[in-house]
Amino acid sequence: MRSKRLKDLHKILHEGRATSQKDILEGLRSAGHRVTQATVSRDLRDIGATKVRLGGEVAYRLPDEIPRSTGGDFMARSLVRALAEFAIDIRAASSLVIVSTAPGHASAVARAIDMATAPEVAGTIAGDDTVFVATEGAEVARLLSERWLTAGATPEVAEPLAPEVADALPAAEGKASL
């Protein structure tokens, strides 16, 4: 029953017209589900849906459907928030950035890093309390780890790398610099 409801919820969100939980509630009810607003709210949280403003309109979207702007403002804020809330230590190790988190939080931090689409990041691997972030080299890893260490303290964390480092990276159109 819940899996069918979540499948229908995904379908409603993919249509892109759900601007409120009331819209979602009505859509699920018309699909035959007996749900309350509290159930809709819980389901939205469980699947990671977010209410976003796109082109002047507001709608609920799944994480993978949220456009990544060149400024990366939304995703950059999510990364800053994840680092500030969960990162215990951030350090460079050769071409890797190692992010230590509280137990159980590494995958949330890795997801935030992946969604921020920083051109310096080649990829992430998360365990229970550690994230390995692959970069192009030791200098990039060092600079990235230094910038992320300040994520909870300053809003400048979203500034791009120094031009000489950024120029050495492959072009990454549409990616946020974080």
Protein backbone atom coordinates (compact mmCIF):
# COMPACT_ATOMS: atom_id res chain seq x y z
CA MET A 1 0.00 0.00 0.00
CA ARG A 2 2.75 2.47 0.94
CA SER A 3 4.91 1.48 -2.03
CA LYS A 4 1.99 2.10 -4.42
CA ARG A 5 1.35 5.48 -2.74
CA LEU A 6 5.02 6.45 -3.06
CA LYS A 7 5.00 5.38 -6.70
CA ASP A 8 1.96 7.59 -7.31
CA LEU A 9 3.62 10.42 -5.36
CA HIS A 10 6.68 10.18 -7.63
CA LYS A 11 4.37 10.33 -10.65
CA ILE A 12 2.65 13.46 -9.31
CA LEU A 13 5.99 15.15 -8.64
CA HIS A 14 7.33 14.21 -12.09
CA GLU A 15 4.33 15.93 -13.68
CA GLY A 16 5.64 19.13 -12.07
CA ARG A 17 2.31 20.75 -11.20
CA ALA A 18 2.25 20.13 -7.44
CA THR A 19 2.64 23.58 -5.92
CA SER A 20 1.36 22.66 -2.46
CA GLN A 21 0.83 19.68 -0.23
CA LYS A 22 -2.89 20.21 -0.84
CA ASP A 23 -2.30 19.58 -4.57
CA ILE A 24 -0.40 16.39 -3.73
CA LEU A 25 -3.07 15.30 -1.25
CA GLU A 26 -5.78 15.75 -3.89
CA GLY A 27 -3.71 13.90 -6.49
CA LEU A 28 -3.11 10.95 -4.17
CA ARG A 29 -6.77 10.85 -3.15
CA SER A 30 -7.88 10.88 -6.80
CA ALA A 31 -5.53 7.92 -7.35
CA GLY A 32 -7.47 6.06 -4.65
CA HIS A 33 -5.24 6.58 -1.62
CA ARG A 34 -6.72 7.46 1.76
CA VAL A 35 -4.12 9.92 3.06
CA THR A 36 -3.85 12.90 5.36
CA GLN A 37 -1.69 16.00 5.06
CA ALA A 38 0.60 14.54 7.75
CA THR A 39 1.13 11.41 5.61
CA VAL A 40 1.93 13.55 2.55
CA SER A 41 4.37 15.65 4.57
CA ARG A 42 6.12 12.53 5.92
CA ASP A 43 6.28 10.91 2.45
CA LEU A 44 7.75 14.09 0.94
CA ARG A 45 10.43 14.16 3.63
CA ASP A 46 11.17 10.44 3.21
CA ILE A 47 11.76 10.73 -0.54
CA GLY A 48 13.71 14.00 -0.21
CA ALA A 49 11.26 16.17 -2.14
CA THR A 50 11.80 19.91 -1.81
CA LYS A 51 9.65 22.91 -2.61
CA VAL A 52 11.62 25.09 -5.03
CA ARG A 53 11.08 28.22 -7.09
CA LEU A 54 11.75 27.66 -10.79
CA GLY A 55 11.19 30.43 -13.30
CA GLY A 56 8.94 32.37 -10.95
CA GLU A 57 6.78 29.33 -10.10
CA VAL A 58 6.89 27.20 -6.98
CA ALA A 59 6.63 23.40 -7.14
CA TYR A 60 7.73 20.29 -5.28
CA ARG A 61 10.66 18.49 -6.91
CA LEU A 62 12.70 15.38 -6.26
CA PRO A 63 16.40 16.00 -5.56
CA ASP A 64 17.52 14.75 -8.99
CA GLU A 65 15.01 17.04 -10.74
CA ILE A 66 16.23 20.28 -9.18
CA PRO A 67 18.14 22.19 -11.85
CA ARG A 68 21.71 22.99 -11.01
CA SER A 69 22.23 26.64 -11.75
CA THR A 70 25.58 28.01 -12.81
CA GLY A 71 25.76 29.80 -9.49
CA GLY A 72 24.75 26.62 -7.73
CA ASP A 73 23.10 28.73 -5.04
CA PHE A 74 20.60 26.15 -3.78
CA MET A 75 22.98 23.20 -3.89
CA ALA A 76 25.85 25.26 -2.50
CA ARG A 77 23.69 26.21 0.48
CA SER A 78 22.80 22.53 0.96
CA LEU A 79 26.48 21.60 0.98
CA VAL A 80 27.35 24.41 3.38
CA ARG A 81 24.53 23.27 5.66
CA ALA A 82 25.59 19.60 5.48
CA LEU A 83 29.22 20.41 6.23
CA ALA A 84 28.30 22.75 9.08
CA GLU A 85 25.92 20.22 10.64
CA PHE A 86 27.73 16.92 10.12
CA ALA A 87 31.44 17.38 9.34
CA ILE A 88 33.74 16.73 12.28
CA ASP A 89 37.02 17.00 10.37
CA ILE A 90 38.05 17.80 6.80
CA ARG A 91 41.57 17.17 5.56
CA ALA A 92 43.47 16.57 2.35
CA ALA A 93 45.29 13.29 1.73
CA SER A 94 47.10 13.33 -1.59
CA SER A 95 44.41 13.93 -4.23
CA LEU A 96 41.58 13.07 -1.83
CA VAL A 97 39.62 15.20 0.59
CA ILE A 98 38.63 13.16 3.64
CA VAL A 99 35.48 14.33 5.41
CA SER A 100 34.88 12.74 8.81
CA THR A 101 31.30 12.89 10.07
CA ALA A 102 29.28 11.69 13.02
CA PRO A 103 28.29 8.03 12.62
CA GLY A 104 25.56 7.55 10.04
CA HIS A 105 25.95 10.93 8.34
CA ALA A 106 28.59 10.33 5.67
CA SER A 107 26.11 9.46 2.92
CA ALA A 108 24.15 12.70 3.51
CA VAL A 109 27.35 14.74 3.23
CA ALA A 110 28.47 12.81 0.12
CA ARG A 111 25.07 13.41 -1.49
CA ALA A 112 25.33 17.14 -0.76
CA ILE A 113 28.81 17.19 -2.30
CA ASP A 114 27.58 15.31 -5.38
CA MET A 115 24.55 17.58 -5.81
CA ALA A 116 26.70 20.72 -5.52
CA THR A 117 28.52 19.55 -8.68
CA ALA A 118 31.78 21.30 -7.90
CA PRO A 119 34.08 20.97 -10.93
CA GLU A 120 36.96 20.14 -8.58
CA VAL A 121 35.18 16.96 -7.44
CA ALA A 122 35.62 13.86 -9.58
CA GLY A 123 33.43 11.75 -7.29
CA THR A 124 32.65 10.64 -3.75
CA ILE A 125 32.56 7.42 -1.79
CA ALA A 126 30.78 7.33 1.57
CA GLY A 127 31.04 4.88 4.41
CA ASP A 128 29.25 5.23 7.73
CA ASP A 129 31.27 8.14 9.08
CA THR A 130 33.80 8.99 6.36
CA VAL A 131 33.56 10.46 2.86
CA PHE A 132 36.39 10.16 0.33
CA VAL A 133 36.23 12.96 -2.22
CA ALA A 134 38.37 12.39 -5.31
CA THR A 135 39.90 15.49 -6.95
CA GLU A 136 42.29 16.17 -9.83
CA GLY A 137 45.35 16.42 -7.60
CA ALA A 138 46.94 17.20 -4.26
CA GLU A 139 46.83 21.00 -4.62
CA VAL A 140 43.14 20.98 -5.55
CA ALA A 141 42.39 18.66 -2.61
CA ARG A 142 44.29 20.95 -0.23
CA LEU A 143 42.49 24.09 -1.42
CA LEU A 144 39.09 22.40 -1.40
CA SER A 145 39.57 21.02 2.12
CA GLU A 146 40.64 24.46 3.39
CA ARG A 147 37.58 26.08 1.85
CA TRP A 148 35.21 23.44 3.21
CA LEU A 149 36.71 23.78 6.69
CA THR A 150 35.32 27.30 6.77
CA ALA A 151 31.88 26.25 5.49
CA GLY A 152 30.17 26.65 8.83
CA ALA A 153 31.88 29.91 9.66
CA THR A 154 31.74 32.08 6.55
CA PRO A 155 29.45 32.60 3.55
CA GLU A 156 32.46 32.81 1.22
CA VAL A 157 32.65 29.01 1.02
CA ALA A 158 30.91 29.16 -2.36
CA GLU A 159 33.65 31.26 -3.96
CA PRO A 160 35.50 29.54 -6.79
CA LEU A 161 39.06 28.33 -6.56
CA ALA A 162 41.89 30.69 -7.35
CA PRO A 163 42.12 31.32 -11.13
CA GLU A 164 45.42 29.47 -11.51
CA VAL A 165 43.91 26.33 -9.94
CA ALA A 166 40.57 26.67 -11.71
CA ASP A 167 42.32 27.08 -15.08
CA ALA A 168 44.07 23.76 -14.55
CA LEU A 169 40.75 21.94 -14.15
CA PRO A 170 38.75 20.48 -17.05
CA ALA A 171 35.86 22.64 -18.20
CA ALA A 172 32.63 21.87 -16.32
CA GLU A 173 29.78 23.83 -17.84
CA GLY A 174 26.86 24.48 -15.51
CA LYS A 175 28.61 23.27 -12.39
CA ALA A 176 28.71 25.12 -9.11
CA SER A 177 32.08 26.01 -7.73
CA LEU A 178 32.18 24.79 -4.19
